[in-house]
Amino acid sequence: MSKQSIQDLSADHRRAASLIIHYGKTDNEGINAILTESMDAGRVVPLIFAILSVYDQLGDELRSDVGQAVLSSVIHDLAGQEQ
């Protein structure tokens, strides 16, 4: 897998995690920002696959306070891998 592919997947999963957190907080502006970023990057379909992948793997745990904190940490880690 190329470096660009890894960066794209990291960005997709970061956006998926961010979208889940914004959704959990009913933050429509945050949701719109993530969707706009995905559209601008031409990565809407990969974002959907990343969201489904996250939910397949973590489901109920993500809805807890601890799960939300872990997702926030993961977002920051993935954002670093995009560079």
N, C-alpha and C. Protein backbone atom coordinates (compact mmCIF):
# COMPACT_ATOMS: atom_id res chain seq x y z
N MET A 1 0.85 -1.18 0.00
CA MET A 1 0.00 0.00 0.00
C MET A 1 0.89 1.23 0.00
N SER A 2 0.56 2.19 -0.85
CA SER A 2 1.36 3.40 -0.97
C SER A 2 1.16 4.32 0.23
N LYS A 3 2.11 5.23 0.38
CA LYS A 3 2.01 6.21 1.47
C LYS A 3 0.74 7.05 1.31
N GLN A 4 0.41 7.42 0.07
CA GLN A 4 -0.80 8.21 -0.18
C GLN A 4 -2.05 7.44 0.22
N SER A 5 -2.08 6.14 -0.09
CA SER A 5 -3.24 5.32 0.27
C SER A 5 -3.40 5.25 1.79
N ILE A 6 -2.30 5.11 2.49
CA ILE A 6 -2.35 5.07 3.96
C ILE A 6 -2.84 6.41 4.50
N GLN A 7 -2.35 7.50 3.92
CA GLN A 7 -2.79 8.83 4.35
C GLN A 7 -4.28 9.02 4.08
N ASP A 8 -4.75 8.57 2.91
CA ASP A 8 -6.17 8.69 2.58
C ASP A 8 -7.02 7.89 3.55
N LEU A 9 -6.62 6.64 3.85
CA LEU A 9 -7.38 5.81 4.79
C LEU A 9 -7.37 6.40 6.19
N SER A 10 -6.24 6.95 6.60
CA SER A 10 -6.17 7.61 7.91
C SER A 10 -7.12 8.78 7.97
N ALA A 11 -7.14 9.57 6.89
CA ALA A 11 -8.04 10.73 6.84
C ALA A 11 -9.49 10.27 6.86
N ASP A 12 -9.81 9.22 6.11
CA ASP A 12 -11.19 8.71 6.08
C ASP A 12 -11.63 8.27 7.46
N HIS A 13 -10.77 7.55 8.17
CA HIS A 13 -11.14 7.05 9.50
C HIS A 13 -11.17 8.18 10.54
N ARG A 14 -10.29 9.18 10.38
CA ARG A 14 -10.35 10.33 11.27
C ARG A 14 -11.68 11.06 11.07
N ARG A 15 -12.05 11.25 9.81
CA ARG A 15 -13.32 11.93 9.54
C ARG A 15 -14.50 11.11 10.06
N ALA A 16 -14.44 9.79 9.91
CA ALA A 16 -15.51 8.92 10.41
C ALA A 16 -15.65 9.06 11.92
N ALA A 17 -14.52 9.01 12.63
CA ALA A 17 -14.56 9.14 14.08
C ALA A 17 -15.08 10.52 14.49
N SER A 18 -14.63 11.55 13.79
CA SER A 18 -15.09 12.91 14.08
C SER A 18 -16.59 13.04 13.83
N LEU A 19 -17.05 12.46 12.74
CA LEU A 19 -18.47 12.52 12.41
C LEU A 19 -19.31 11.84 13.49
N ILE A 20 -18.83 10.71 13.99
CA ILE A 20 -19.54 9.98 15.05
C ILE A 20 -19.61 10.83 16.31
N ILE A 21 -18.52 11.48 16.66
CA ILE A 21 -18.51 12.33 17.86
C ILE A 21 -19.45 13.52 17.67
N HIS A 22 -19.38 14.17 16.52
CA HIS A 22 -20.28 15.31 16.28
C HIS A 22 -21.73 14.87 16.32
N TYR A 23 -22.02 13.71 15.76
CA TYR A 23 -23.38 13.18 15.80
C TYR A 23 -23.82 12.93 17.25
N GLY A 24 -22.94 12.35 18.04
CA GLY A 24 -23.26 12.07 19.44
C GLY A 24 -23.54 13.32 20.25
N LYS A 25 -22.95 14.44 19.84
CA LYS A 25 -23.14 15.72 20.54
C LYS A 25 -24.21 16.58 19.86
N THR A 26 -24.87 16.04 18.84
CA THR A 26 -25.85 16.76 18.03
C THR A 26 -25.26 18.08 17.54
N ASP A 27 -24.02 18.00 17.05
CA ASP A 27 -23.29 19.17 16.56
C ASP A 27 -23.41 19.22 15.04
N ASN A 28 -24.48 19.87 14.57
CA ASN A 28 -24.74 19.93 13.13
C ASN A 28 -23.65 20.66 12.36
N GLU A 29 -23.09 21.71 12.95
CA GLU A 29 -22.00 22.43 12.28
C GLU A 29 -20.79 21.53 12.11
N GLY A 30 -20.47 20.75 13.12
CA GLY A 30 -19.34 19.82 13.03
C GLY A 30 -19.60 18.75 11.98
N ILE A 31 -20.81 18.22 11.95
CA ILE A 31 -21.18 17.22 10.95
C ILE A 31 -21.03 17.80 9.55
N ASN A 32 -21.55 19.00 9.34
CA ASN A 32 -21.45 19.65 8.04
C ASN A 32 -20.00 19.91 7.64
N ALA A 33 -19.18 20.28 8.61
CA ALA A 33 -17.76 20.53 8.32
C ALA A 33 -17.06 19.25 7.85
N ILE A 34 -17.36 18.14 8.50
CA ILE A 34 -16.75 16.87 8.11
C ILE A 34 -17.24 16.44 6.73
N LEU A 35 -18.54 16.60 6.47
CA LEU A 35 -19.08 16.23 5.16
C LEU A 35 -18.49 17.11 4.06
N THR A 36 -18.36 18.38 4.34
CA THR A 36 -17.76 19.30 3.37
C THR A 36 -16.31 18.92 3.09
N GLU A 37 -15.57 18.62 4.14
CA GLU A 37 -14.17 18.21 3.98
C GLU A 37 -14.08 16.95 3.11
N SER A 38 -14.97 16.00 3.36
CA SER A 38 -14.97 14.75 2.58
C SER A 38 -15.31 15.02 1.12
N MET A 39 -16.29 15.87 0.89
CA MET A 39 -16.66 16.20 -0.48
C MET A 39 -15.52 16.90 -1.20
N ASP A 40 -14.88 17.86 -0.51
CA ASP A 40 -13.77 18.60 -1.12
C ASP A 40 -12.60 17.67 -1.46
N ALA A 41 -12.41 16.63 -0.66
CA ALA A 41 -11.33 15.68 -0.88
C ALA A 41 -11.72 14.57 -1.86
N GLY A 42 -13.00 14.57 -2.28
CA GLY A 42 -13.47 13.52 -3.17
C GLY A 42 -13.49 12.16 -2.50
N ARG A 43 -13.80 12.14 -1.17
CA ARG A 43 -13.70 10.92 -0.37
C ARG A 43 -15.00 10.60 0.37
N VAL A 44 -16.14 10.93 -0.22
CA VAL A 44 -17.42 10.68 0.45
C VAL A 44 -17.70 9.19 0.59
N VAL A 45 -17.55 8.44 -0.49
CA VAL A 45 -17.80 6.99 -0.41
C VAL A 45 -16.82 6.31 0.55
N PRO A 46 -15.51 6.62 0.49
CA PRO A 46 -14.62 6.03 1.48
C PRO A 46 -14.97 6.42 2.92
N LEU A 47 -15.52 7.64 3.11
CA LEU A 47 -15.97 8.03 4.45
C LEU A 47 -17.09 7.11 4.92
N ILE A 48 -18.03 6.83 4.05
CA ILE A 48 -19.14 5.94 4.43
C ILE A 48 -18.62 4.56 4.80
N PHE A 49 -17.69 4.03 4.01
CA PHE A 49 -17.11 2.73 4.33
C PHE A 49 -16.36 2.78 5.67
N ALA A 50 -15.67 3.89 5.94
CA ALA A 50 -14.94 4.02 7.21
C ALA A 50 -15.91 4.07 8.39
N ILE A 51 -17.02 4.78 8.25
CA ILE A 51 -18.04 4.84 9.31
C ILE A 51 -18.57 3.43 9.59
N LEU A 52 -18.93 2.72 8.54
CA LEU A 52 -19.46 1.37 8.71
C LEU A 52 -18.43 0.44 9.33
N SER A 53 -17.18 0.61 8.96
CA SER A 53 -16.10 -0.20 9.54
C SER A 53 -15.96 0.06 11.04
N VAL A 54 -16.00 1.33 11.42
CA VAL A 54 -15.89 1.69 12.84
C VAL A 54 -17.04 1.07 13.63
N TYR A 55 -18.25 1.21 13.12
CA TYR A 55 -19.40 0.66 13.83
C TYR A 55 -19.38 -0.86 13.87
N ASP A 56 -18.91 -1.50 12.80
CA ASP A 56 -18.78 -2.96 12.82
C ASP A 56 -17.85 -3.41 13.93
N GLN A 57 -16.80 -2.66 14.14
CA GLN A 57 -15.77 -3.06 15.09
C GLN A 57 -16.11 -2.68 16.53
N LEU A 58 -16.76 -1.53 16.71
CA LEU A 58 -16.88 -1.00 18.08
C LEU A 58 -18.29 -0.76 18.59
N GLY A 59 -19.23 -0.60 17.69
CA GLY A 59 -20.64 -0.45 18.04
C GLY A 59 -20.98 0.24 19.34
N ASP A 60 -21.51 -0.52 20.28
CA ASP A 60 -22.03 0.04 21.54
C ASP A 60 -20.99 0.77 22.36
N GLU A 61 -19.75 0.30 22.32
CA GLU A 61 -18.70 0.93 23.12
C GLU A 61 -18.49 2.39 22.76
N LEU A 62 -18.73 2.73 21.49
CA LEU A 62 -18.51 4.10 21.04
C LEU A 62 -19.51 5.08 21.64
N ARG A 63 -20.63 4.60 22.07
CA ARG A 63 -21.66 5.50 22.59
C ARG A 63 -21.45 5.87 24.05
N SER A 64 -20.52 5.20 24.73
CA SER A 64 -20.26 5.49 26.14
C SER A 64 -19.35 6.72 26.25
N ASP A 65 -19.28 7.29 27.45
CA ASP A 65 -18.39 8.44 27.68
C ASP A 65 -16.94 8.06 27.43
N VAL A 66 -16.56 6.87 27.88
CA VAL A 66 -15.19 6.40 27.68
C VAL A 66 -14.92 6.22 26.18
N GLY A 67 -15.89 5.65 25.47
CA GLY A 67 -15.75 5.47 24.03
C GLY A 67 -15.57 6.78 23.30
N GLN A 68 -16.31 7.80 23.70
CA GLN A 68 -16.19 9.12 23.09
C GLN A 68 -14.80 9.71 23.35
N ALA A 69 -14.28 9.51 24.56
CA ALA A 69 -12.93 10.00 24.89
C ALA A 69 -11.87 9.28 24.06
N VAL A 70 -12.02 7.97 23.91
CA VAL A 70 -11.08 7.20 23.11
C VAL A 70 -11.12 7.66 21.65
N LEU A 71 -12.32 7.87 21.13
CA LEU A 71 -12.44 8.35 19.74
C LEU A 71 -11.74 9.69 19.56
N SER A 72 -11.88 10.57 20.52
CA SER A 72 -11.21 11.87 20.43
C SER A 72 -9.70 11.69 20.34
N SER A 73 -9.17 10.78 21.12
CA SER A 73 -7.74 10.48 21.09
C SER A 73 -7.32 9.90 19.75
N VAL A 74 -8.13 8.99 19.22
CA VAL A 74 -7.83 8.37 17.93
C VAL A 74 -7.84 9.42 16.82
N ILE A 75 -8.77 10.36 16.88
CA ILE A 75 -8.84 11.42 15.87
C ILE A 75 -7.52 12.18 15.82
N HIS A 76 -7.00 12.53 16.98
CA HIS A 76 -5.75 13.28 17.02
C HIS A 76 -4.60 12.44 16.48
N ASP A 77 -4.56 11.17 16.81
CA ASP A 77 -3.50 10.29 16.31
C ASP A 77 -3.57 10.16 14.79
N LEU A 78 -4.77 9.93 14.26
CA LEU A 78 -4.92 9.78 12.81
C LEU A 78 -4.62 11.07 12.06
N ALA A 79 -4.96 12.18 12.67
CA ALA A 79 -4.67 13.46 12.03
C ALA A 79 -3.16 13.63 11.85
N GLY A 80 -2.37 13.15 12.80
CA GLY A 80 -0.92 13.20 12.68
C GLY A 80 -0.39 12.34 11.55
N GLN A 81 -1.07 11.24 11.24
CA GLN A 81 -0.64 10.33 10.19
C GLN A 81 -0.96 10.87 8.80
N GLU A 82 -1.79 11.87 8.70
CA GLU A 82 -2.15 12.45 7.40
C GLU A 82 -1.03 13.33 6.86
N GLN A 83 -0.16 13.76 7.72
CA GLN A 83 0.89 14.71 7.32
C GLN A 83 2.02 14.01 6.59
